[in-house]
Amino acid sequence: MFARYVYEKSSAEYKNHIILIDSDGLLKCTDTCTYFISQGFQVIEYMDDLHFRAEHEDALNDANGKYLLVLKPGNYVPYDIVRRFGCFDISFQMLFPKLNTSTVKEILHLNLDLLCMAYIENFSDLRSAQATQQFIEHIVYGQANVEKYLKALVIELESEISAAKVYKDWFRIANLKATIDTISTEYDAGISVEYIHQLFIDFILTDFAKLSSTIDRDGPVFVSRAMEYMHDHSKKFVIIVMDGMSEFDWLIISKSFAGLKYEKTDAFAMIPTTTSISRQCLLSNKYPSQLAEPWKQSKEKAEFVTCAKSLGYADNQIAYTRGYDVDFGSFIKCGAVIINDVDDMVHGQKQGRIGMFNDITVMAKQAQLVGLTKQLLRSGFDVYITADHGNTPCVGMGKLMKTGVEVETKSRRMVVLRDFADRQALIGQYDLIQYPKYFLSKEYDYLICGAGFSFDAKDEAVMSHGGITVDEVVVPFIKIKADENNG
């Protein structure tokens, strides 16, 4: 909503050359540039006149091309460029002139989409601080505006799904679903989009294996390629693995990261989305079939160290630890930190999504993760934050008897079998999905529960993981550079 509002206000519908002056830093915290790109614009970040003329001189005379020039306040732009481009100031004052700018700026984590939706229907002068505060509290965050916003997001989600063709489309869908879930949960709006899981499962069953050769410069496509990606993009880095953190969880946690410059992409967890499989793959740069002990975590540290050595790091340059109390020495160039907080909340959760929302909110306010991140940045490390898998709400179908289960796992969303005579009966009884063994040992069969179900006590509501829903498989991948945050 905010991105479209800026697009319309800047007259980009009628002009091919636009300058946006980012006076209040709104572009970096919104998807505005992405929206312009979707409308056919090429986005150019203006550094100085010399650089622009050397790299983008043709844009001045290209009558048919569409160009968005992004400026920081104070950037000098020669007259001939200004004359060719239409200028628009992206500031609270210009976008919301009927509101008190100082009051708006003071509100932490203001949802700009909700603000735009309410503002375009307002015709009153609200420039006093009190009037603006009341407008935001009672109208912007009022139940009616929130529910209207959620309905618009659902329409957008369904449009994205109908047009989905490639894996990145599912990253956008996962993020949009997480936004709907968090807002609906916070405001008890009762809007559910769990029906999209089956469409994602269809994508996984047909296309997941095809992604093994895909390379993306913005981030690893699979978590099993995270180590080589970080090595290629950082001279000195630490990866923080938030066990079990979903896109839903990160949306809440990210509020504590206000003020830090970071870039967020997404990645696919390895399947089954169990900790032993996906986290070991994340830390080892391996696929599940290549792991020494895929169903146990006893060799996790050894797998990480072996991977780091294969990338060229010496023993005294490698560190692996757990928890927030981290003290890496000056020699360390490749570090891993495991944080179990989210997964502990998942497995002890009795209140479903609302319980996760409340628990993660408390965790975010405690600011231990952002505190650790800042400490590592000050020590010169680039910091990457990701998860081995996400989590999803489920209802128990009854606990599965162990007879015939070849490999015992902690997951109650899947089972591993070998030469099981009644496999088809088990599939029929529980409506299980027979996973095609992508990247897994071929000697076993892998049966996974459908969306929203697990092998827990019958009718028990739980949070779980191990399956192939979008909540479990698509995870955040956050990149935070030391040189962008120090000084």
Protein backbone atom coordinates (compact mmCIF):
# COMPACT_ATOMS: atom_id res chain seq x y z
CA MET A 1 0.00 0.00 0.00
CA PHE A 2 2.77 2.46 0.95
CA ALA A 3 4.82 1.62 -2.15
CA ARG A 4 1.83 2.14 -4.44
CA TYR A 5 0.99 5.38 -2.61
CA VAL A 6 4.51 6.72 -3.27
CA TYR A 7 4.30 5.56 -6.88
CA GLU A 8 1.08 7.47 -7.42
CA LYS A 9 2.21 10.59 -5.52
CA SER A 10 5.44 10.78 -7.51
CA SER A 11 3.48 10.82 -10.81
CA ALA A 12 5.40 7.74 -11.94
CA GLU A 13 2.25 6.61 -13.76
CA TYR A 14 2.78 9.45 -16.23
CA LYS A 15 6.56 10.00 -16.22
CA ASN A 16 9.43 7.74 -17.23
CA HIS A 17 12.17 9.57 -15.32
CA ILE A 18 11.69 10.08 -11.56
CA ILE A 19 13.98 11.33 -8.78
CA LEU A 20 13.06 10.26 -5.24
CA ILE A 21 14.78 12.17 -2.45
CA ASP A 22 14.75 9.84 0.58
CA SER A 23 14.61 12.56 3.25
CA ASP A 24 13.31 10.38 6.09
CA GLY A 25 14.95 7.07 5.15
CA LEU A 26 11.64 5.50 4.16
CA LEU A 27 12.91 3.68 1.10
CA LYS A 28 15.32 1.42 2.98
CA CYS A 29 12.58 0.10 5.30
CA THR A 30 9.90 -0.47 2.66
CA ASP A 31 9.51 -2.33 -0.62
CA THR A 32 9.00 0.88 -2.61
CA CYS A 33 11.93 0.33 -4.98
CA THR A 34 10.77 -3.23 -5.59
CA TYR A 35 7.35 -1.91 -6.53
CA PHE A 36 8.87 0.55 -9.02
CA ILE A 37 10.86 -2.32 -10.52
CA SER A 38 7.66 -4.34 -10.90
CA GLN A 39 6.26 -1.40 -12.89
CA GLY A 40 9.16 -1.50 -15.34
CA PHE A 41 11.55 1.02 -13.75
CA GLN A 42 15.29 0.59 -13.50
CA VAL A 43 16.42 1.77 -10.05
CA ILE A 44 19.66 3.78 -9.88
CA GLU A 45 21.18 4.78 -6.55
CA TYR A 46 22.73 8.20 -7.15
CA MET A 47 26.20 8.58 -5.65
CA ASP A 48 27.61 11.62 -7.43
CA ASP A 49 27.58 13.35 -10.81
CA LEU A 50 30.77 11.69 -12.07
CA HIS A 51 29.63 8.18 -11.23
CA PHE A 52 26.18 8.77 -12.73
CA ARG A 53 27.53 10.08 -16.02
CA ALA A 54 30.06 7.28 -16.29
CA GLU A 55 27.56 4.52 -15.61
CA HIS A 56 24.15 5.87 -16.59
CA GLU A 57 24.57 8.75 -19.05
CA ASP A 58 22.29 6.99 -21.54
CA ALA A 59 19.37 7.24 -19.13
CA LEU A 60 19.21 10.98 -19.69
CA ASN A 61 18.33 10.64 -23.34
CA ASP A 62 16.40 7.37 -23.28
CA ALA A 63 12.84 8.53 -23.93
CA ASN A 64 11.37 5.03 -23.82
CA GLY A 65 13.17 3.63 -20.79
CA LYS A 66 11.85 4.07 -17.24
CA TYR A 67 14.36 5.17 -14.62
CA LEU A 68 14.10 5.81 -10.88
CA LEU A 69 16.97 7.84 -9.43
CA VAL A 70 17.24 7.51 -5.62
CA LEU A 71 18.95 10.37 -3.76
CA LYS A 72 19.97 10.94 -0.19
CA PRO A 73 19.30 14.38 1.32
CA GLY A 74 22.07 16.81 0.42
CA ASN A 75 23.20 15.04 -2.76
CA TYR A 76 24.16 17.61 -5.40
CA VAL A 77 22.49 16.96 -8.74
CA PRO A 78 23.35 19.11 -11.81
CA TYR A 79 20.58 21.10 -13.43
CA ASP A 80 20.47 19.07 -16.66
CA ILE A 81 19.72 15.91 -14.70
CA VAL A 82 17.08 17.61 -12.52
CA ARG A 83 15.44 19.05 -15.64
CA ARG A 84 15.21 15.63 -17.25
CA PHE A 85 13.91 13.86 -14.14
CA GLY A 86 10.82 14.79 -12.14
CA CYS A 87 11.72 15.26 -8.44
CA PHE A 88 9.68 14.04 -5.48
CA ASP A 89 10.62 14.23 -1.80
CA ILE A 90 9.88 10.99 0.08
CA SER A 91 9.23 12.43 3.52
CA PHE A 92 6.47 12.25 6.11
CA GLN A 93 5.82 15.95 5.55
CA MET A 94 5.25 15.58 1.81
CA LEU A 95 3.37 12.26 1.96
CA PHE A 96 1.15 13.06 4.95
CA PRO A 97 0.76 16.86 5.12
CA LYS A 98 -2.41 16.69 7.27
CA LEU A 99 -0.52 14.96 10.10
CA ASN A 100 1.94 16.20 12.69
CA THR A 101 5.29 15.09 11.29
CA SER A 102 7.15 15.04 14.62
CA THR A 103 4.49 12.84 16.22
CA VAL A 104 4.52 10.39 13.32
CA LYS A 105 8.32 10.08 13.46
CA GLU A 106 8.24 9.28 17.18
CA ILE A 107 6.05 6.18 16.74
CA LEU A 108 8.21 3.07 16.73
CA HIS A 109 7.52 0.36 14.16
CA LEU A 110 4.76 2.36 12.49
CA ASN A 111 3.00 0.26 9.86
CA LEU A 112 3.14 2.51 6.82
CA ASP A 113 0.69 0.38 4.86
CA LEU A 114 -1.95 0.78 7.58
CA LEU A 115 -1.18 4.50 7.77
CA CYS A 116 -1.67 4.97 4.02
CA MET A 117 -4.92 3.02 4.01
CA ALA A 118 -6.39 5.21 6.75
CA TYR A 119 -4.87 8.48 5.54
CA ILE A 120 -6.34 8.44 2.02
CA GLU A 121 -9.81 8.37 3.56
CA ASN A 122 -9.11 11.23 5.96
CA PHE A 123 -10.19 14.77 5.04
CA SER A 124 -9.55 16.49 8.38
CA ASP A 125 -6.67 18.68 9.47
CA LEU A 126 -4.83 16.58 12.07
CA ARG A 127 -1.65 18.60 12.36
CA SER A 128 -1.78 18.99 16.13
CA ALA A 129 0.22 16.37 18.02
CA GLN A 130 -2.84 15.20 19.94
CA ALA A 131 -5.01 14.85 16.83
CA THR A 132 -2.31 12.85 15.04
CA GLN A 133 -1.79 10.58 18.05
CA GLN A 134 -5.50 9.86 18.34
CA PHE A 135 -5.80 9.25 14.61
CA ILE A 136 -3.02 6.67 14.68
CA GLU A 137 -4.24 4.94 17.84
CA HIS A 138 -7.95 4.79 17.01
CA ILE A 139 -8.13 4.88 13.20
CA VAL A 140 -4.84 3.60 11.77
CA TYR A 141 -4.66 0.74 14.27
CA GLY A 142 -8.41 0.46 14.70
CA GLN A 143 -9.96 -2.95 14.11
CA ALA A 144 -11.87 -1.83 11.01
CA ASN A 145 -8.73 -0.52 9.28
CA VAL A 146 -6.71 -3.58 10.25
CA GLU A 147 -9.33 -5.97 8.90
CA LYS A 148 -9.63 -3.96 5.69
CA TYR A 149 -5.86 -4.13 5.31
CA LEU A 150 -5.81 -7.89 5.91
CA LYS A 151 -8.48 -8.47 3.28
CA ALA A 152 -6.39 -6.48 0.80
CA LEU A 153 -3.34 -8.58 1.68
CA VAL A 154 -5.30 -11.79 1.13
CA ILE A 155 -6.30 -10.58 -2.33
CA GLU A 156 -2.66 -9.77 -3.04
CA LEU A 157 -1.60 -13.19 -1.75
CA GLU A 158 -4.05 -15.00 -4.00
CA SER A 159 -2.88 -12.95 -6.96
CA GLU A 160 0.75 -13.88 -6.20
CA ILE A 161 -0.17 -17.57 -5.93
CA SER A 162 -2.06 -17.60 -9.20
CA ALA A 163 0.96 -16.09 -10.97
CA ALA A 164 3.66 -18.14 -9.17
CA LYS A 165 6.07 -19.82 -11.56
CA VAL A 166 9.55 -19.82 -10.00
CA TYR A 167 10.98 -20.39 -6.54
CA LYS A 168 11.35 -16.68 -5.73
CA ASP A 169 7.61 -16.28 -6.15
CA TRP A 170 7.21 -18.63 -3.18
CA PHE A 171 9.62 -16.51 -1.13
CA ARG A 172 7.34 -13.51 -1.68
CA ILE A 173 4.27 -15.63 -0.90
CA ALA A 174 5.86 -16.91 2.31
CA ASN A 175 6.63 -13.36 3.46
CA LEU A 176 3.15 -12.15 2.57
CA LYS A 177 1.57 -15.06 4.44
CA ALA A 178 3.75 -14.33 7.48
CA THR A 179 2.58 -10.70 7.43
CA ILE A 180 -1.06 -11.79 7.31
CA ASP A 181 -0.51 -14.32 10.10
CA THR A 182 1.25 -11.91 12.45
CA ILE A 183 -1.27 -9.09 12.03
CA SER A 184 -4.27 -11.43 12.21
CA THR A 185 -2.83 -13.00 15.36
CA GLU A 186 -1.99 -9.68 17.04
CA TYR A 187 -5.44 -8.20 16.39
CA ASP A 188 -7.42 -11.44 16.74
CA ALA A 189 -8.85 -10.90 13.26
CA GLY A 190 -9.50 -14.59 12.62
CA ILE A 191 -8.19 -14.52 9.04
CA SER A 192 -6.55 -17.77 7.99
CA VAL A 193 -4.65 -18.51 4.79
CA GLU A 194 -3.50 -22.01 5.71
CA TYR A 195 -5.11 -23.31 2.52
CA ILE A 196 -2.06 -22.17 0.53
CA HIS A 197 0.07 -24.95 2.05
CA GLN A 198 -1.26 -27.56 -0.37
CA LEU A 199 -0.24 -25.43 -3.35
CA PHE A 200 3.24 -25.07 -1.90
CA ILE A 201 3.43 -28.82 -1.25
CA ASP A 202 2.61 -29.40 -4.93
CA PHE A 203 5.50 -27.09 -5.85
CA ILE A 204 7.88 -28.94 -3.52
CA LEU A 205 6.92 -32.37 -4.87
CA THR A 206 7.49 -31.33 -8.48
CA ASP A 207 10.18 -28.64 -8.46
CA PHE A 208 12.28 -28.83 -5.27
CA ALA A 209 14.97 -31.11 -6.71
CA LYS A 210 15.38 -28.89 -9.78
CA LEU A 211 16.72 -26.05 -7.63
CA SER A 212 20.00 -27.79 -6.78
CA SER A 213 21.84 -26.10 -9.64
CA THR A 214 20.28 -22.66 -9.10
CA ILE A 215 22.67 -19.87 -8.09
CA ASP A 216 21.38 -16.57 -6.73
CA ARG A 217 23.74 -13.65 -6.05
CA ASP A 218 21.37 -12.29 -3.37
CA GLY A 219 21.58 -15.35 -1.10
CA PRO A 220 21.71 -19.14 -0.93
CA VAL A 221 18.67 -20.85 -2.46
CA PHE A 222 19.06 -23.81 -0.06
CA VAL A 223 20.35 -23.48 3.50
CA SER A 224 22.80 -26.21 2.50
CA ARG A 225 24.62 -23.61 0.40
CA ALA A 226 24.81 -20.93 3.10
CA MET A 227 28.41 -21.64 4.13
CA GLU A 228 29.87 -21.19 0.66
CA TYR A 229 27.72 -18.09 0.11
CA MET A 230 28.98 -16.43 3.32
CA HIS A 231 32.57 -17.40 2.56
CA ASP A 232 32.27 -15.82 -0.90
CA HIS A 233 30.78 -12.57 0.44
CA SER A 234 32.63 -11.97 3.72
CA LYS A 235 36.25 -12.10 4.85
CA LYS A 236 35.22 -12.62 8.47
CA PHE A 237 31.76 -13.82 9.44
CA VAL A 238 29.55 -15.43 12.06
CA ILE A 239 26.35 -17.29 11.28
CA ILE A 240 23.71 -17.23 14.01
CA VAL A 241 21.31 -20.14 13.61
CA MET A 242 17.97 -19.48 15.28
CA ASP A 243 16.69 -23.04 15.61
CA GLY A 244 13.07 -23.23 14.43
CA MET A 245 12.63 -19.55 13.54
CA SER A 246 9.92 -19.03 10.91
CA GLU A 247 9.18 -15.98 8.77
CA PHE A 248 6.37 -15.25 11.28
CA ASP A 249 8.88 -15.24 14.15
CA TRP A 250 11.40 -13.05 12.32
CA LEU A 251 8.77 -10.40 11.58
CA ILE A 252 8.36 -9.98 15.33
CA ILE A 253 12.06 -10.25 16.20
CA SER A 254 13.06 -7.79 13.46
CA LYS A 255 11.40 -4.91 15.34
CA SER A 256 14.29 -5.04 17.80
CA PHE A 257 16.72 -4.52 14.89
CA ALA A 258 15.55 -0.96 14.16
CA GLY A 259 18.59 1.21 13.47
CA LEU A 260 20.74 -1.59 12.07
CA LYS A 261 21.34 -1.75 8.34
CA TYR A 262 20.61 -5.22 7.03
CA GLU A 263 19.37 -7.04 3.97
CA LYS A 264 16.83 -9.83 4.16
CA THR A 265 16.43 -12.62 1.65
CA ASP A 266 15.03 -16.12 2.08
CA ALA A 267 16.15 -19.72 1.66
CA PHE A 268 14.68 -23.20 1.53
CA ALA A 269 15.32 -25.46 4.51
CA MET A 270 16.26 -29.04 3.72
CA ILE A 271 13.51 -31.63 3.84
CA PRO A 272 12.48 -33.23 6.15
CA THR A 273 12.58 -30.01 8.18
CA THR A 274 14.03 -31.66 11.26
CA THR A 275 16.90 -30.06 13.18
CA SER A 276 19.25 -33.00 12.69
CA ILE A 277 18.82 -32.89 8.91
CA SER A 278 18.46 -29.23 8.03
CA ARG A 279 20.82 -27.67 10.56
CA GLN A 280 23.61 -30.12 9.80
CA CYS A 281 23.14 -29.37 6.09
CA LEU A 282 23.23 -25.64 6.84
CA LEU A 283 26.52 -25.91 8.73
CA SER A 284 28.21 -28.52 6.54
CA ASN A 285 27.42 -27.35 3.00
CA LYS A 286 26.07 -30.85 2.35
CA TYR A 287 22.85 -32.46 1.25
CA PRO A 288 21.17 -34.89 3.69
CA SER A 289 22.42 -38.01 1.87
CA GLN A 290 26.01 -36.79 2.36
CA LEU A 291 25.78 -36.44 6.15
CA ALA A 292 27.59 -38.95 8.35
CA GLU A 293 24.72 -39.05 10.89
CA PRO A 294 21.63 -37.45 9.31
CA TRP A 295 19.27 -38.43 12.15
CA LYS A 296 21.52 -37.44 15.04
CA GLN A 297 23.18 -34.15 16.01
CA SER A 298 26.25 -35.63 17.66
CA LYS A 299 28.45 -34.81 14.66
CA GLU A 300 27.06 -31.33 13.99
CA LYS A 301 30.13 -29.45 15.26
CA ALA A 302 32.48 -31.82 13.44
CA GLU A 303 30.53 -31.30 10.20
CA PHE A 304 30.83 -27.52 10.60
CA VAL A 305 34.56 -27.63 11.31
CA THR A 306 35.20 -29.94 8.35
CA CYS A 307 33.24 -27.61 6.09
CA ALA A 308 35.10 -24.53 7.33
CA LYS A 309 38.44 -26.25 6.73
CA SER A 310 37.39 -27.20 3.20
CA LEU A 311 36.71 -23.50 2.57
CA GLY A 312 40.28 -22.67 3.60
CA TYR A 313 40.05 -21.73 7.28
CA ALA A 314 42.64 -22.99 9.78
CA ASP A 315 41.73 -24.63 13.10
CA ASN A 316 42.44 -21.46 15.10
CA GLN A 317 40.17 -19.44 12.75
CA ILE A 318 37.06 -21.59 13.37
CA ALA A 319 34.64 -21.33 16.30
CA TYR A 320 31.37 -23.06 17.18
CA THR A 321 29.28 -22.27 20.26
CA ARG A 322 25.75 -22.12 21.67
CA GLY A 323 23.84 -19.37 23.43
CA TYR A 324 24.23 -15.60 23.64
CA ASP A 325 27.41 -15.57 25.74
CA VAL A 326 29.89 -15.42 22.87
CA ASP A 327 33.54 -14.43 23.11
CA PHE A 328 35.31 -15.09 19.83
CA GLY A 329 38.98 -14.18 19.79
CA SER A 330 40.70 -11.97 17.24
CA PHE A 331 41.89 -14.95 15.19
CA ILE A 332 38.40 -16.23 14.40
CA LYS A 333 37.28 -15.77 10.78
CA CYS A 334 34.45 -18.31 10.57
CA GLY A 335 32.07 -18.71 13.50
CA ALA A 336 28.74 -20.40 14.21
CA VAL A 337 26.37 -19.64 17.08
CA ILE A 338 23.36 -21.87 17.81
CA ILE A 339 20.37 -20.33 19.62
CA ASN A 340 17.63 -22.74 20.71
CA ASP A 341 15.13 -20.25 22.17
CA VAL A 342 12.54 -20.33 19.36
CA ASP A 343 12.56 -24.11 19.01
CA ASP A 344 12.17 -24.48 22.77
CA MET A 345 9.09 -22.24 22.56
CA VAL A 346 7.72 -24.29 19.67
CA HIS A 347 7.96 -27.63 21.45
CA GLY A 348 6.62 -26.28 24.74
CA GLN A 349 3.84 -24.24 23.15
CA LYS A 350 0.29 -24.79 24.44
CA GLN A 351 -1.36 -21.68 22.98
CA GLY A 352 -0.66 -22.07 19.26
CA ARG A 353 0.15 -19.01 17.17
CA ILE A 354 -1.01 -16.50 19.77
CA GLY A 355 1.32 -18.17 22.26
CA MET A 356 4.23 -17.95 19.81
CA PHE A 357 3.40 -14.31 19.09
CA ASN A 358 3.45 -13.44 22.79
CA ASP A 359 6.58 -15.45 23.60
CA ILE A 360 8.55 -14.15 20.61
CA THR A 361 7.47 -10.58 21.44
CA VAL A 362 8.92 -10.96 24.94
CA MET A 363 12.10 -12.45 23.48
CA ALA A 364 12.44 -9.53 21.03
CA LYS A 365 12.03 -6.99 23.86
CA GLN A 366 14.78 -8.71 25.84
CA ALA A 367 17.01 -7.83 22.84
CA GLN A 368 19.56 -10.59 23.41
CA LEU A 369 19.80 -11.44 19.72
CA VAL A 370 20.30 -7.85 18.58
CA GLY A 371 22.73 -7.33 21.47
CA LEU A 372 24.83 -10.28 20.33
CA THR A 373 24.64 -9.06 16.74
CA LYS A 374 25.92 -5.59 17.67
CA GLN A 375 28.72 -7.11 19.74
CA LEU A 376 29.87 -9.23 16.79
CA LEU A 377 29.62 -6.29 14.39
CA ARG A 378 31.83 -4.19 16.70
CA SER A 379 34.37 -7.01 16.59
CA GLY A 380 34.45 -6.73 12.81
CA PHE A 381 32.34 -9.76 11.92
CA ASP A 382 29.74 -9.72 9.18
CA VAL A 383 26.72 -11.35 10.80
CA TYR A 384 24.30 -13.70 9.08
CA ILE A 385 21.11 -14.75 10.86
CA THR A 386 19.03 -17.63 9.59
CA ALA A 387 17.11 -20.72 10.68
CA ASP A 388 17.39 -24.42 10.04
CA HIS A 389 13.59 -24.69 9.64
CA GLY A 390 10.40 -22.91 10.62
CA ASN A 391 7.32 -24.11 12.49
CA THR A 392 3.59 -24.52 11.87
CA PRO A 393 0.41 -25.09 13.91
CA CYS A 394 -0.90 -28.67 13.90
CA VAL A 395 -3.62 -30.85 15.37
CA GLY A 396 -2.71 -34.31 16.62
CA MET A 397 -3.98 -37.38 14.75
CA GLY A 398 -2.89 -39.76 17.50
CA LYS A 399 0.58 -40.98 18.37
CA LEU A 400 2.04 -43.37 15.82
CA MET A 401 3.01 -46.81 17.09
CA LYS A 402 6.74 -47.43 16.70
CA THR A 403 6.30 -50.77 14.95
CA GLY A 404 7.99 -50.59 11.57
CA VAL A 405 9.60 -47.19 12.09
CA GLU A 406 13.17 -47.63 10.89
CA VAL A 407 14.66 -44.36 12.16
CA GLU A 408 13.45 -42.66 15.31
CA THR A 409 13.31 -38.86 15.05
CA LYS A 410 12.04 -36.13 17.35
CA SER A 411 9.71 -34.92 14.62
CA ARG A 412 6.06 -35.82 14.89
CA ARG A 413 5.38 -34.61 11.37
CA MET A 414 7.15 -37.43 9.54
CA VAL A 415 8.33 -41.06 9.74
CA VAL A 416 11.18 -42.94 8.12
CA LEU A 417 10.58 -46.52 6.98
CA ARG A 418 12.47 -49.39 5.37
CA ASP A 419 10.73 -52.41 3.79
CA PHE A 420 7.54 -51.64 5.65
CA ALA A 421 4.89 -54.06 4.40
CA ASP A 422 1.90 -51.91 5.34
CA ARG A 423 3.25 -48.64 4.04
CA GLN A 424 0.22 -48.02 1.85
CA ALA A 425 -2.10 -48.79 4.74
CA LEU A 426 -0.27 -46.22 6.86
CA ILE A 427 -0.52 -43.64 4.08
CA GLY A 428 -4.24 -44.31 3.73
CA GLN A 429 -4.97 -44.30 7.45
CA TYR A 430 -3.29 -40.93 8.12
CA ASP A 431 -3.48 -39.36 4.64
CA LEU A 432 0.31 -39.09 4.55
CA ILE A 433 2.48 -37.74 1.74
CA GLN A 434 5.14 -40.06 0.31
CA TYR A 435 8.11 -37.75 -0.18
CA PRO A 436 10.13 -38.40 -3.38
CA LYS A 437 13.45 -38.82 -1.49
CA TYR A 438 15.01 -35.65 -2.97
CA PHE A 439 18.61 -35.37 -1.66
CA LEU A 440 17.91 -38.21 0.82
CA SER A 441 19.18 -41.77 1.14
CA LYS A 442 17.24 -44.00 -1.25
CA GLU A 443 17.23 -46.98 1.14
CA TYR A 444 14.38 -45.49 3.18
CA ASP A 445 10.83 -44.31 2.53
CA TYR A 446 9.79 -40.94 3.92
CA LEU A 447 6.19 -40.31 4.89
CA ILE A 448 5.15 -36.79 5.86
CA CYS A 449 1.96 -35.56 7.50
CA GLY A 450 -0.30 -33.27 5.53
CA ALA A 451 -0.58 -29.57 6.34
CA GLY A 452 -1.92 -28.92 9.83
CA PHE A 453 -1.52 -32.44 11.23
CA SER A 454 1.00 -34.30 13.37
CA PHE A 455 1.47 -37.56 15.28
CA ASP A 456 0.59 -35.98 18.61
CA ALA A 457 -2.19 -36.93 20.99
CA LYS A 458 -5.49 -36.95 19.14
CA ASP A 459 -7.02 -33.47 18.75
CA GLU A 460 -4.16 -31.84 20.68
CA ALA A 461 -3.22 -28.41 19.28
CA VAL A 462 0.57 -28.02 18.97
CA MET A 463 3.29 -26.14 17.12
CA SER A 464 5.60 -28.46 15.22
CA HIS A 465 7.98 -28.96 12.29
CA GLY A 466 9.42 -31.68 10.09
CA GLY A 467 6.99 -31.35 7.19
CA ILE A 468 6.84 -29.51 3.87
CA THR A 469 4.54 -26.54 4.42
CA VAL A 470 5.66 -23.05 3.46
CA ASP A 471 5.85 -22.14 7.19
CA GLU A 472 8.41 -24.89 7.79
CA VAL A 473 10.44 -24.80 4.57
CA VAL A 474 10.93 -21.10 3.71
CA VAL A 475 13.18 -19.41 6.28
CA PRO A 476 14.70 -15.92 6.64
CA PHE A 477 18.30 -15.25 5.64
CA ILE A 478 19.56 -11.96 7.09
CA LYS A 479 22.82 -10.29 6.03
CA ILE A 480 24.33 -7.61 8.30
CA LYS A 481 27.63 -6.10 7.20
CA ALA A 482 30.13 -4.77 9.75
CA ASP A 483 31.36 -1.93 7.51
CA GLU A 484 27.79 -0.65 7.06
CA ASN A 485 27.04 -0.56 10.79
CA ASN A 486 30.31 0.58 12.39
CA GLY A 487 31.06 4.26 12.32
